[in-house]
Amino acid sequence: MITTDFDQRFLRWFWSGVGIWTAILVIALPGDAVTTWAAFVLVLPILGALFAFDMVQHRLPLALSHSALVLFVSAVGVGSIVHGDSRIVGVVAGATIMGLVGALLGRRPRMFGRGDVHLCPLLGAMVGWFDPRGVMVAMLATTVIGAVVAVALLILRRVERHALIAYGPFLMFGTMIAMVGSSRL
């Protein structure tokens, strides 16, 4: 059931997610890559919605993750064909690598939820546009950020020891770190 409180929290997290992703894209993307900007901007509202859903409901709708993946890969693919850019190979490699890592972690109970597993290929594709090797940076950063926040929440007694914590935002922050790091190389 959707309530006014849900609406307000969702919208606050949605715009926070869109704002954070926009800032990262401004930092990471080159200014002359119009087709690349278009690909990232197409998925921007979906990333904001995924961020908000996970923060408010602790779930990631699969339809949103799948739609964003199709939109992003299609837009980057068209841009690659038009401009003769071979980065589409990195996009596919990044999506495949991070998708496999997500699927492996999703097999362990209480590691990744189903939504996290389905979010991984999208985030891997985004990192892969910069450098497919950045996927490992994204996963490492995700793990470190998630662990630090979880320990802080435990110390501050904001969660119980066996509480479920939304992991999608940590996956997104790890991806952002990898994108910015890869764009600076």
Protein backbone atom coordinates (compact mmCIF):
# COMPACT_ATOMS: atom_id res chain seq x y z
CA MET A 1 0.00 0.00 0.00
CA ILE A 2 1.38 3.37 -1.00
CA THR A 3 0.99 6.14 1.54
CA THR A 4 1.86 9.81 1.58
CA ASP A 5 4.87 9.00 3.76
CA PHE A 6 6.01 6.46 1.15
CA ASP A 7 5.56 9.05 -1.60
CA GLN A 8 7.63 11.66 0.22
CA ARG A 9 10.43 9.27 1.17
CA PHE A 10 10.48 7.75 -2.32
CA LEU A 11 10.67 11.14 -4.00
CA ARG A 12 13.40 12.34 -1.62
CA TRP A 13 15.51 9.25 -2.34
CA PHE A 14 14.66 9.36 -6.06
CA TRP A 15 15.95 12.92 -6.46
CA SER A 16 18.94 12.15 -4.25
CA GLY A 17 19.80 9.21 -6.52
CA VAL A 18 19.32 11.24 -9.70
CA GLY A 19 21.42 14.06 -8.27
CA ILE A 20 24.28 11.80 -7.22
CA TRP A 21 24.31 9.98 -10.58
CA THR A 22 24.18 13.30 -12.46
CA ALA A 23 27.17 14.63 -10.51
CA ILE A 24 29.15 11.46 -11.24
CA LEU A 25 28.31 11.64 -14.95
CA VAL A 26 29.40 15.27 -15.14
CA ILE A 27 32.72 14.29 -13.53
CA ALA A 28 33.30 11.05 -15.43
CA LEU A 29 32.00 11.60 -18.96
CA PRO A 30 33.95 13.51 -21.58
CA GLY A 31 32.21 16.64 -22.83
CA ASP A 32 32.30 15.75 -26.53
CA ALA A 33 30.67 12.32 -26.35
CA VAL A 34 27.05 13.23 -27.24
CA THR A 35 25.91 9.67 -27.92
CA THR A 36 27.49 8.50 -24.69
CA TRP A 37 25.78 11.25 -22.76
CA ALA A 38 22.49 10.21 -24.37
CA ALA A 39 22.99 6.59 -23.28
CA PHE A 40 23.71 7.55 -19.68
CA VAL A 41 20.95 10.17 -19.52
CA LEU A 42 18.40 7.61 -20.79
CA VAL A 43 19.01 5.41 -17.74
CA LEU A 44 19.40 8.25 -15.24
CA PRO A 45 15.74 8.33 -14.07
CA ILE A 46 15.70 4.55 -13.81
CA LEU A 47 18.85 4.60 -11.67
CA GLY A 48 17.18 7.19 -9.43
CA ALA A 49 14.08 5.00 -9.14
CA LEU A 50 16.16 1.89 -8.36
CA PHE A 51 18.06 3.82 -5.68
CA ALA A 52 14.79 5.05 -4.14
CA PHE A 53 13.07 1.65 -4.25
CA ASP A 54 15.97 -0.02 -2.47
CA MET A 55 16.23 2.70 0.18
CA VAL A 56 12.48 2.79 0.88
CA GLN A 57 11.30 -0.78 0.27
CA HIS A 58 14.53 -2.81 0.30
CA ARG A 59 13.75 -4.23 -3.13
CA LEU A 60 14.90 -3.60 -6.67
CA PRO A 61 12.20 -4.10 -9.32
CA LEU A 62 13.61 -6.42 -11.96
CA ALA A 63 11.68 -4.70 -14.75
CA LEU A 64 13.53 -1.45 -14.03
CA SER A 65 16.97 -3.10 -14.02
CA HIS A 66 16.22 -5.00 -17.23
CA SER A 67 14.76 -1.94 -18.98
CA ALA A 68 17.76 0.19 -18.07
CA LEU A 69 20.17 -2.49 -19.30
CA VAL A 70 18.39 -2.77 -22.66
CA LEU A 71 18.22 1.02 -23.05
CA PHE A 72 21.85 1.55 -22.14
CA VAL A 73 23.31 -1.24 -24.27
CA SER A 74 21.10 -0.26 -27.23
CA ALA A 75 22.06 3.41 -27.03
CA VAL A 76 25.77 2.69 -26.60
CA GLY A 77 25.59 0.08 -29.36
CA VAL A 78 24.04 2.54 -31.81
CA GLY A 79 26.61 5.16 -30.82
CA SER A 80 29.42 2.66 -31.31
CA ILE A 81 28.19 1.75 -34.77
CA VAL A 82 27.70 5.37 -35.83
CA HIS A 83 31.10 6.50 -34.56
CA GLY A 84 33.04 3.29 -35.19
CA ASP A 85 33.83 3.04 -31.47
CA SER A 86 34.81 -0.36 -30.11
CA ARG A 87 33.72 0.39 -26.54
CA ILE A 88 30.63 -1.77 -27.01
CA VAL A 89 32.95 -4.74 -26.46
CA GLY A 90 33.84 -3.33 -23.03
CA VAL A 91 30.16 -2.76 -22.27
CA VAL A 92 29.30 -6.38 -23.05
CA ALA A 93 32.38 -7.65 -21.17
CA GLY A 94 31.59 -5.49 -18.13
CA ALA A 95 27.94 -6.60 -18.08
CA THR A 96 28.97 -10.24 -18.39
CA ILE A 97 31.68 -10.12 -15.72
CA MET A 98 29.62 -8.22 -13.16
CA GLY A 99 26.55 -10.29 -13.99
CA LEU A 100 28.47 -13.49 -13.28
CA VAL A 101 29.93 -12.12 -10.04
CA GLY A 102 26.44 -11.01 -8.98
CA ALA A 103 24.97 -14.41 -9.85
CA LEU A 104 27.66 -16.18 -7.82
CA LEU A 105 27.10 -13.93 -4.82
CA GLY A 106 23.34 -14.33 -5.21
CA ARG A 107 23.68 -18.09 -4.69
CA ARG A 108 24.89 -17.56 -1.12
CA PRO A 109 22.07 -17.00 1.34
CA ARG A 110 21.81 -13.43 2.65
CA MET A 111 24.63 -12.11 0.42
CA PHE A 112 22.79 -10.60 -2.54
CA GLY A 113 19.09 -10.37 -3.10
CA ARG A 114 17.53 -11.22 -6.43
CA GLY A 115 17.25 -7.54 -7.35
CA ASP A 116 20.96 -6.99 -6.65
CA VAL A 117 21.84 -9.89 -8.94
CA HIS A 118 19.75 -8.37 -11.75
CA LEU A 119 21.22 -4.88 -11.17
CA CYS A 120 24.81 -6.11 -11.59
CA PRO A 121 24.82 -6.46 -15.42
CA LEU A 122 23.58 -2.89 -15.84
CA LEU A 123 26.24 -1.50 -13.54
CA GLY A 124 28.89 -3.70 -15.17
CA ALA A 125 27.88 -2.39 -18.59
CA MET A 126 28.21 1.18 -17.37
CA VAL A 127 31.67 0.55 -15.89
CA GLY A 128 32.62 -1.47 -18.98
CA TRP A 129 32.08 1.56 -21.19
CA PHE A 130 35.06 3.15 -19.42
CA ASP A 131 37.14 0.02 -18.79
CA PRO A 132 35.91 -3.56 -18.17
CA ARG A 133 38.69 -4.05 -15.62
CA GLY A 134 36.92 -1.43 -13.53
CA VAL A 135 34.32 -4.05 -12.64
CA MET A 136 36.68 -5.49 -10.04
CA VAL A 137 37.26 -1.99 -8.64
CA ALA A 138 33.49 -1.53 -8.46
CA MET A 139 33.00 -4.80 -6.57
CA LEU A 140 35.88 -4.05 -4.18
CA ALA A 141 34.61 -0.52 -3.50
CA THR A 142 31.10 -1.90 -3.00
CA THR A 143 32.34 -4.39 -0.44
CA VAL A 144 34.40 -1.84 1.48
CA ILE A 145 31.65 0.81 1.52
CA GLY A 146 29.01 -1.76 2.50
CA ALA A 147 31.16 -3.13 5.31
CA VAL A 148 32.01 0.30 6.73
CA VAL A 149 28.37 1.42 6.69
CA ALA A 150 27.15 -1.89 8.18
CA VAL A 151 29.69 -1.70 11.02
CA ALA A 152 28.77 1.95 11.64
CA LEU A 153 25.06 1.08 11.76
CA LEU A 154 25.78 -1.75 14.21
CA ILE A 155 27.95 0.44 16.45
CA LEU A 156 25.33 3.19 16.45
CA ARG A 157 22.66 0.55 17.14
CA ARG A 158 20.61 1.61 14.15
CA VAL A 159 20.23 -2.02 13.03
CA GLU A 160 20.32 -5.42 14.67
CA ARG A 161 23.05 -7.93 13.88
CA HIS A 162 20.90 -10.00 11.50
CA ALA A 163 19.11 -7.07 9.83
CA LEU A 164 18.87 -6.92 6.07
CA ILE A 165 20.54 -3.86 4.59
CA ALA A 166 19.74 -2.54 1.13
CA TYR A 167 22.82 -3.41 -0.95
CA GLY A 168 21.79 -1.78 -4.25
CA PRO A 169 22.98 1.70 -3.23
CA PHE A 170 26.37 0.26 -2.27
CA LEU A 171 26.59 -1.42 -5.68
CA MET A 172 25.79 1.93 -7.26
CA PHE A 173 28.39 3.81 -5.19
CA GLY A 174 31.04 1.20 -6.01
CA THR A 175 30.15 1.59 -9.68
CA MET A 176 30.42 5.37 -9.43
CA ILE A 177 33.88 5.09 -7.87
CA ALA A 178 35.02 2.72 -10.64
CA MET A 179 33.58 5.00 -13.36
CA VAL A 180 35.32 8.10 -12.01
CA GLY A 181 38.57 6.18 -11.46
CA SER A 182 38.49 4.66 -14.94
CA SER A 183 37.67 7.98 -16.59
CA ARG A 184 40.73 9.58 -14.99
CA LEU A 185 43.21 6.99 -16.34
